């Protein structure tokens, strides 16, 4: 999912300042470069599965539990707030999909835990309690006591890792702040990040896991910096002799993609792009043309669950995203990487879940290293 890059700050500056004066809580949260993630535990602890040599890992951007319904920040929608019962219905479908695929490790992006737009419902705890997972770690990406735009109000959206086994050393890693926005907009805007942790399965060497949600709308080089930070974190683990699985929503296309400009596909009524006099010429977040080589360093050093030649030979089969509610997937934005190995041909792009989110999940079997 993509969120508008510039908010219409609908209340006067004096009103914003008055909220600062009367509240002990800052309007929006500032993050350190690195801080501890929030630990979650299921209401009932289940037996972890017996593992032979590999586990299934899945990444999924769940679009904060509203499925493909219209929302003001993407897909040309005008809705801002959704009632809890609507969100619950989608979450039940998401839970059903998770329980059907049954990954051992799940990386989620765009999960609301205390947001007005989804009835202040803790979606992560609900998913944890209604699946077979025992543990989760969560980090906020967009957290504010109130957002003075479009009726958003309180927001707490972020990324999570869910596991059948305990997750240790869980951290939030702040990513580069967008350089193409004014300071007041950055203050209320989301702050892209990664969440990482370590998992020890009995009989196997401990491994690291890292989940990223890169910028969707940056029009400068911010997104490229996010990929560099992502790779730097992988390089560090690799250089220290560790092994990892890493992935998430990178919000860019694989190298060699046939189409790189989706301005027309993403265009809303009344918008115009690519025409003489249009300013901007491209819709923010829809033109990936400058980014075609940005992921090459990651592909060069690490193994993607969907090999690049496999993707390039049949791109449609690996599409994971679209902004258009009534259309099938039209581009690939979601990835899994490792410095170890994937079980050959185990990758699945779960394109069947077209009503559950504006992203399809991706899963693959990750080979473990015996102690």
Protein backbone atom coordinates (compact mmCIF):
# COMPACT_ATOMS: atom_id res chain seq x y z
CA UNK A 1 0.00 0.00 0.00
CA UNK A 2 1.10 3.53 -0.62
CA UNK A 3 0.38 6.56 1.54
CA UNK A 4 0.15 10.10 0.22
CA UNK A 5 3.47 11.84 0.44
CA UNK A 6 2.08 15.22 1.45
CA UNK A 7 -0.72 15.69 3.94
CA UNK A 8 -3.21 18.50 3.78
CA UNK A 9 -2.61 19.90 7.25
CA UNK A 10 -6.18 20.88 7.88
CA UNK A 11 -5.87 22.72 11.17
CA UNK A 12 -4.06 26.01 11.73
CA UNK A 13 -0.59 25.99 13.21
CA UNK A 14 -1.89 27.67 16.39
CA UNK A 15 -4.19 24.73 16.99
CA UNK A 16 -1.29 22.32 16.62
CA UNK A 17 0.76 24.29 19.12
CA UNK A 18 -2.10 24.34 21.59
CA UNK A 19 -2.22 20.55 21.51
CA UNK A 20 1.46 20.48 22.41
CA UNK A 21 0.78 22.72 25.40
CA UNK A 22 -2.14 20.77 26.86
CA UNK A 23 -0.86 17.25 26.27
CA UNK A 24 1.93 15.36 28.03
CA UNK A 25 2.19 13.07 24.99
CA UNK A 26 4.00 14.38 21.90
CA UNK A 27 1.78 14.62 18.85
CA UNK A 28 4.06 12.34 16.86
CA UNK A 29 6.74 9.89 17.93
CA UNK A 30 10.42 10.42 17.23
CA UNK A 31 12.57 7.32 16.93
CA UNK A 32 16.16 6.54 17.82
CA UNK A 33 18.48 4.95 15.27
CA UNK A 34 18.06 1.65 17.09
CA UNK A 35 15.76 0.61 19.93
CA UNK A 36 14.14 -2.49 21.38
CA UNK A 37 11.14 -3.99 19.63
CA UNK A 38 7.89 -4.67 21.53
CA UNK A 39 7.45 -8.31 22.52
CA UNK A 40 4.10 -10.09 22.02
CA UNK A 41 3.00 -13.50 23.30
CA UNK A 42 -0.02 -15.54 22.23
CA UNK A 43 -2.78 -16.02 24.79
CA UNK A 44 -2.15 -19.77 24.57
CA UNK A 45 1.29 -21.24 23.89
CA UNK A 46 1.18 -24.11 21.40
CA UNK A 47 3.73 -26.85 20.72
CA UNK A 48 6.27 -25.75 18.13
CA UNK A 49 6.46 -27.97 15.04
CA UNK A 50 9.10 -30.63 14.64
CA UNK A 51 11.65 -29.46 12.10
CA UNK A 52 13.61 -31.69 9.77
CA UNK A 53 15.89 -29.45 7.69
CA UNK A 54 13.87 -26.45 6.50
CA UNK A 55 11.17 -24.04 7.61
CA UNK A 56 8.64 -22.01 5.64
CA UNK A 57 9.07 -18.22 5.73
CA UNK A 58 6.45 -15.78 4.43
CA UNK A 59 6.31 -12.00 3.98
CA UNK A 60 3.03 -10.14 3.62
CA UNK A 61 1.93 -6.51 3.60
CA UNK A 62 -1.62 -6.80 4.98
CA UNK A 63 -2.72 -3.18 4.32
CA UNK A 64 -3.81 -2.71 7.96
CA UNK A 65 -6.72 -5.13 7.62
CA UNK A 66 -9.01 -3.30 5.19
CA UNK A 67 -8.48 -5.59 2.22
CA UNK A 68 -8.97 -3.91 -1.15
CA UNK A 69 -11.50 -1.39 0.14
CA UNK A 70 -11.04 2.28 -0.82
CA UNK A 71 -8.90 4.46 1.44
CA UNK A 72 -7.95 8.12 1.07
CA UNK A 73 -4.20 7.42 0.90
CA UNK A 74 -4.22 5.08 -2.08
CA UNK A 75 -6.28 3.54 -4.86
CA UNK A 76 -8.14 6.84 -5.42
CA UNK A 77 -10.28 6.29 -2.32
CA UNK A 78 -11.84 8.85 -0.01
CA UNK A 79 -12.48 6.76 3.11
CA UNK A 80 -10.33 7.42 6.19
CA UNK A 81 -11.85 5.48 9.12
CA UNK A 82 -13.16 1.90 9.03
CA UNK A 83 -15.40 0.32 11.71
CA UNK A 84 -13.96 -2.52 13.76
CA UNK A 85 -16.40 -5.11 12.43
CA UNK A 86 -15.24 -4.41 8.86
CA UNK A 87 -11.61 -4.78 9.89
CA UNK A 88 -12.41 -7.95 11.85
CA UNK A 89 -13.96 -9.56 8.79
CA UNK A 90 -10.82 -8.97 6.76
CA UNK A 91 -8.57 -10.09 9.61
CA UNK A 92 -10.52 -13.36 9.85
CA UNK A 93 -9.86 -13.91 6.14
CA UNK A 94 -6.18 -13.05 6.65
CA UNK A 95 -5.99 -15.51 9.56
CA UNK A 96 -7.61 -18.18 7.40
CA UNK A 97 -5.01 -17.61 4.68
CA UNK A 98 -2.13 -17.77 7.18
CA UNK A 99 -3.47 -20.97 8.72
CA UNK A 100 -3.84 -22.45 5.23
CA UNK A 101 -0.31 -21.59 4.05
CA UNK A 102 1.11 -22.33 7.53
CA UNK A 103 4.48 -20.58 7.41
CA UNK A 104 6.78 -21.16 10.39
CA UNK A 105 7.98 -17.55 10.33
CA UNK A 106 5.83 -14.64 9.15
CA UNK A 107 6.93 -11.09 8.38
CA UNK A 108 4.10 -8.56 8.31
CA UNK A 109 4.07 -4.97 7.12
CA UNK A 110 1.33 -2.36 7.66
CA UNK A 111 -0.14 -3.89 10.79
CA UNK A 112 -2.23 -1.55 12.98
CA UNK A 113 -2.12 -2.02 16.75
CA UNK A 114 -3.74 1.18 18.06
CA UNK A 115 -5.06 3.33 15.23
CA UNK A 116 -8.28 5.29 14.99
CA UNK A 117 -8.69 4.30 11.34
CA UNK A 118 -9.13 0.64 12.39
CA UNK A 119 -11.04 1.13 15.65
CA UNK A 120 -7.95 1.06 17.88
CA UNK A 121 -7.88 -2.70 17.37
CA UNK A 122 -4.65 -4.61 18.04
CA UNK A 123 -4.42 -6.55 14.81
CA UNK A 124 -1.13 -8.23 15.71
CA UNK A 125 -2.45 -9.71 18.96
CA UNK A 126 -5.57 -10.91 17.14
CA UNK A 127 -3.53 -12.65 14.43
CA UNK A 128 -1.22 -14.15 17.05
CA UNK A 129 -4.16 -15.50 19.09
CA UNK A 130 -6.00 -16.95 16.09
CA UNK A 131 -3.07 -18.71 14.43
CA UNK A 132 -0.58 -21.30 15.66
CA UNK A 133 2.18 -18.72 16.31
CA UNK A 134 3.42 -18.27 19.87
CA UNK A 135 5.56 -15.14 19.73
CA UNK A 136 5.83 -11.89 17.85
CA UNK A 137 7.88 -8.69 17.91
CA UNK A 138 6.53 -5.36 16.72
CA UNK A 139 7.96 -1.96 15.80
CA UNK A 140 6.04 1.20 14.98
CA UNK A 141 6.57 2.83 11.63
CA UNK A 142 3.84 5.47 11.83
CA UNK A 143 2.99 6.50 15.38
CA UNK A 144 1.24 9.68 16.50
CA UNK A 145 -1.15 10.72 19.24
CA UNK A 146 -3.04 12.59 16.56
CA UNK A 147 -2.47 13.35 12.89
CA UNK A 148 -4.05 16.71 11.96
CA UNK A 149 -5.02 15.65 8.45
CA UNK A 150 -8.00 13.97 6.82
CA UNK A 151 -9.45 12.88 10.17
CA UNK A 152 -6.73 10.27 10.76
CA UNK A 153 -6.34 10.97 14.47
CA UNK A 154 -4.31 8.45 16.52
CA UNK A 155 -2.02 6.19 14.52
CA UNK A 156 0.16 3.21 15.37
CA UNK A 157 1.08 1.15 12.31
CA UNK A 158 4.18 -0.95 11.95
CA UNK A 159 5.93 -4.18 11.04
CA UNK A 160 6.14 -7.47 12.89
CA UNK A 161 7.80 -10.86 12.94
CA UNK A 162 5.72 -13.85 14.11
CA UNK A 163 7.31 -17.16 15.10
CA UNK A 164 6.51 -20.52 16.63
CA UNK A 165 9.76 -20.15 18.63
CA UNK A 166 10.93 -17.30 20.91
CA UNK A 167 12.45 -14.25 19.19
CA UNK A 168 15.45 -12.77 20.96
CA UNK A 169 17.52 -9.60 20.50
CA UNK A 170 14.59 -7.95 18.69
CA UNK A 171 15.33 -4.43 17.47
CA UNK A 172 13.81 -1.55 15.54
CA UNK A 173 16.21 -0.01 13.02
CA UNK A 174 15.34 3.46 11.80
CA UNK A 175 15.82 4.13 8.09
CA UNK A 176 16.75 7.35 6.34
CA UNK A 177 14.11 10.10 6.62
CA UNK A 178 12.65 11.32 3.35
CA UNK A 179 14.54 14.29 1.99
CA UNK A 180 11.81 15.53 -0.32
CA UNK A 181 9.32 16.69 2.34
CA UNK A 182 9.00 19.78 4.52
CA UNK A 183 9.84 19.37 8.21
CA UNK A 184 6.27 19.68 9.51
CA UNK A 185 5.15 16.95 7.07
CA UNK A 186 8.03 14.69 8.08
CA UNK A 187 7.07 15.17 11.72
CA UNK A 188 3.61 13.65 11.19
CA UNK A 189 4.63 11.25 8.43
CA UNK A 190 5.61 7.63 8.77
CA UNK A 191 9.26 6.75 9.50
CA UNK A 192 10.42 3.76 7.47
CA UNK A 193 12.20 1.07 9.45
CA UNK A 194 13.30 -2.52 9.79
CA UNK A 195 12.58 -5.00 12.57
CA UNK A 196 15.08 -7.74 13.31
CA UNK A 197 15.50 -10.62 15.74
CA UNK A 198 17.14 -13.97 16.29
CA UNK A 199 15.50 -17.40 16.41
CA UNK A 200 16.92 -20.62 17.83
CA UNK A 201 15.25 -23.87 16.77
CA UNK A 202 16.39 -26.92 18.76
CA UNK A 203 19.06 -28.87 16.88
CA UNK A 204 19.94 -26.02 14.53
CA UNK A 205 22.21 -23.00 14.55
CA UNK A 206 20.62 -19.70 15.57
CA UNK A 207 19.69 -17.49 12.63
CA UNK A 208 18.69 -13.85 12.21
CA UNK A 209 15.57 -12.50 10.59
CA UNK A 210 15.02 -9.03 9.22
CA UNK A 211 11.81 -7.42 7.95
CA UNK A 212 11.87 -4.14 6.00
CA UNK A 213 9.19 -1.74 4.76
CA UNK A 214 10.95 0.70 2.45
CA UNK A 215 9.59 4.07 1.37
CA UNK A 216 6.85 4.00 -1.24
CA UNK A 217 6.57 7.62 -2.26
CA UNK A 218 10.01 9.21 -1.97
CA UNK A 219 10.91 11.08 -5.16
CA UNK A 220 14.58 11.59 -4.26
CA UNK A 221 17.22 8.97 -3.41
CA UNK A 222 15.72 8.08 -0.01
CA UNK A 223 14.53 4.67 -1.17
CA UNK A 224 17.96 3.80 -2.55
CA UNK A 225 19.42 4.68 0.85
CA UNK A 226 16.91 2.29 2.44
CA UNK A 227 18.18 -0.53 0.23
CA UNK A 228 21.76 0.33 1.14
CA UNK A 229 20.88 0.26 4.84
CA UNK A 230 19.08 -3.06 4.34
CA UNK A 231 22.13 -4.55 2.63
CA UNK A 232 24.49 -3.10 5.24
CA UNK A 233 22.54 -4.92 7.95
CA UNK A 234 22.73 -8.18 5.98
CA UNK A 235 26.45 -7.64 5.32
CA UNK A 236 27.08 -7.21 9.04
CA UNK A 237 25.44 -10.52 9.91
CA UNK A 238 27.25 -12.26 7.06
CA UNK A 239 30.65 -10.81 8.00
CA UNK A 240 30.21 -12.02 11.58
CA UNK A 241 29.61 -15.59 10.41
CA UNK A 242 25.86 -15.56 10.99
CA UNK A 243 23.13 -16.52 8.60
CA UNK A 244 19.80 -14.90 7.99
CA UNK A 245 16.54 -14.65 6.15
CA UNK A 246 15.55 -11.11 5.22
CA UNK A 247 12.74 -9.59 3.23
CA UNK A 248 9.61 -7.50 3.18
CA UNK A 249 8.00 -4.81 1.06
CA UNK A 250 10.81 -3.02 -0.80
CA UNK A 251 8.43 -0.88 -2.88
CA UNK A 252 10.51 -1.27 -6.02
CA UNK A 253 10.70 -3.64 -8.98
CA UNK A 254 13.22 -6.43 -9.64
CA UNK A 255 15.92 -5.60 -12.19
CA UNK A 256 14.88 -6.41 -15.75
CA UNK A 257 11.17 -5.69 -15.25
CA UNK A 258 9.33 -5.20 -18.53
CA UNK A 259 7.27 -2.25 -17.25
CA UNK A 260 8.73 0.40 -14.95
CA UNK A 261 6.24 3.29 -15.18
CA UNK A 262 2.76 2.81 -13.69
CA UNK A 263 1.57 6.42 -13.68
CA UNK A 264 -1.37 5.64 -15.97
CA UNK A 265 -2.33 2.49 -14.04
CA UNK A 266 -2.27 4.41 -10.73
CA UNK A 267 -3.80 7.64 -12.00
CA UNK A 268 -6.95 8.87 -10.23
CA UNK A 269 -9.83 10.77 -11.88
CA UNK A 270 -8.81 14.36 -12.52
CA UNK A 271 -5.08 13.63 -12.45
CA UNK A 272 -2.78 14.03 -15.44
CA UNK A 273 0.76 12.81 -16.00
CA UNK A 274 3.21 12.57 -18.92
CA UNK A 275 1.51 15.48 -20.69
CA UNK A 276 2.99 18.82 -21.64
CA UNK A 277 2.61 21.22 -18.71
CA UNK A 278 2.01 18.49 -16.10
CA UNK A 279 3.79 19.22 -12.84
CA UNK A 280 4.83 16.70 -11.71
CA UNK A 281 5.29 14.63 -14.83
CA UNK A 282 5.06 11.40 -12.83
CA UNK A 283 2.79 10.26 -10.02
CA UNK A 284 4.80 9.89 -6.80
CA UNK A 285 5.55 6.24 -6.12
CA UNK A 286 4.45 5.02 -9.54
CA UNK A 287 7.50 5.59 -11.73
CA UNK A 288 10.25 3.09 -10.94
CA UNK A 289 12.34 3.92 -14.02
CA UNK A 290 15.19 5.59 -12.07
CA UNK A 291 15.39 2.57 -9.74
CA UNK A 292 16.08 -0.24 -12.19
CA UNK A 293 19.57 -1.03 -10.82
CA UNK A 294 19.06 -0.18 -7.15
CA UNK A 295 18.55 -3.81 -6.05
CA UNK A 296 21.42 -5.27 -8.10
CA UNK A 297 23.93 -5.16 -5.19
CA UNK A 298 21.56 -7.24 -3.04
CA UNK A 299 20.91 -9.77 -5.81
CA UNK A 300 24.67 -9.97 -6.48
CA UNK A 301 25.61 -10.92 -2.93
CA UNK A 302 22.57 -12.80 -1.63
CA UNK A 303 20.06 -15.39 -2.83
CA UNK A 304 16.51 -14.37 -3.60
CA UNK A 305 13.74 -16.91 -3.01
CA UNK A 306 12.51 -16.04 -6.50
CA UNK A 307 15.68 -16.19 -8.63
CA UNK A 308 16.04 -13.24 -10.98
CA UNK A 309 16.07 -15.40 -14.12
CA UNK A 310 12.90 -17.15 -12.94
CA UNK A 311 11.21 -13.78 -12.40
CA UNK A 312 12.38 -12.34 -15.72
CA UNK A 313 11.18 -15.37 -17.69
CA UNK A 314 7.63 -15.25 -16.25
CA UNK A 315 7.07 -11.91 -14.54
CA UNK A 316 3.28 -12.07 -14.29
CA UNK A 317 3.46 -15.21 -12.15
CA UNK A 318 5.41 -13.27 -9.51
CA UNK A 319 3.44 -10.01 -9.40
CA UNK A 320 2.54 -9.04 -5.82
CA UNK A 321 0.92 -5.60 -5.93
CA UNK A 322 -1.60 -3.33 -7.60
CA UNK A 323 -3.19 -0.05 -6.57
CA UNK A 324 -6.41 -0.77 -8.50
CA UNK A 325 -9.11 -2.46 -6.36
CA UNK A 326 -10.76 -4.34 -9.21
CA UNK A 327 -7.61 -5.48 -11.01
CA UNK A 328 -5.17 -8.36 -10.76
CA UNK A 329 -1.59 -7.87 -9.58
CA UNK A 330 0.50 -5.81 -12.00
CA UNK A 331 3.99 -5.47 -10.43
CA UNK A 332 6.40 -7.11 -7.97
CA UNK A 333 7.38 -5.29 -4.76
CA UNK A 334 7.86 -8.06 -2.16
CA UNK A 335 10.99 -10.16 -1.57
CA UNK A 336 12.82 -12.80 0.46
CA UNK A 337 16.65 -13.06 0.59
CA UNK A 338 19.20 -15.19 2.45
CA UNK A 339 22.96 -15.74 2.66
CA UNK A 340 22.25 -19.47 3.00
CA UNK A 341 19.95 -21.48 0.71
CA UNK A 342 16.31 -21.88 -0.20
CA UNK A 343 14.80 -25.25 -1.02
CA UNK A 344 14.85 -25.27 -4.80
CA UNK A 345 11.54 -24.30 -6.44
CA UNK A 346 9.84 -23.89 -3.05
CA UNK A 347 8.88 -20.26 -3.62
CA UNK A 348 5.17 -19.43 -3.90
CA UNK A 349 3.64 -16.09 -4.81
CA UNK A 350 0.19 -16.31 -3.22
CA UNK A 351 -1.75 -14.50 -5.91
CA UNK A 352 -5.03 -16.11 -4.88
CA UNK A 353 -5.58 -13.62 -2.04
CA UNK A 354 -6.76 -10.77 -4.26
CA UNK A 355 -9.37 -9.47 -1.79
CA UNK A 356 -7.21 -9.58 1.34
CA UNK A 357 -4.72 -6.78 0.67
CA UNK A 358 -3.16 -4.72 -2.10
CA UNK A 359 -0.14 -7.03 -1.75
CA UNK A 360 0.15 -10.76 -2.32
CA UNK A 361 2.16 -12.80 0.15
CA UNK A 362 5.41 -14.52 -0.86
CA UNK A 363 6.70 -17.67 0.84
CA UNK A 364 9.60 -20.10 0.45
CA UNK A 365 11.34 -22.88 2.38
CA UNK A 366 14.51 -21.76 4.12
CA UNK A 367 17.23 -24.35 4.77
CA UNK A 368 18.55 -24.46 8.32
CA UNK A 369 22.10 -25.25 9.44
CA UNK A 370 22.48 -28.10 11.92
CA UNK A 371 24.50 -27.50 15.07
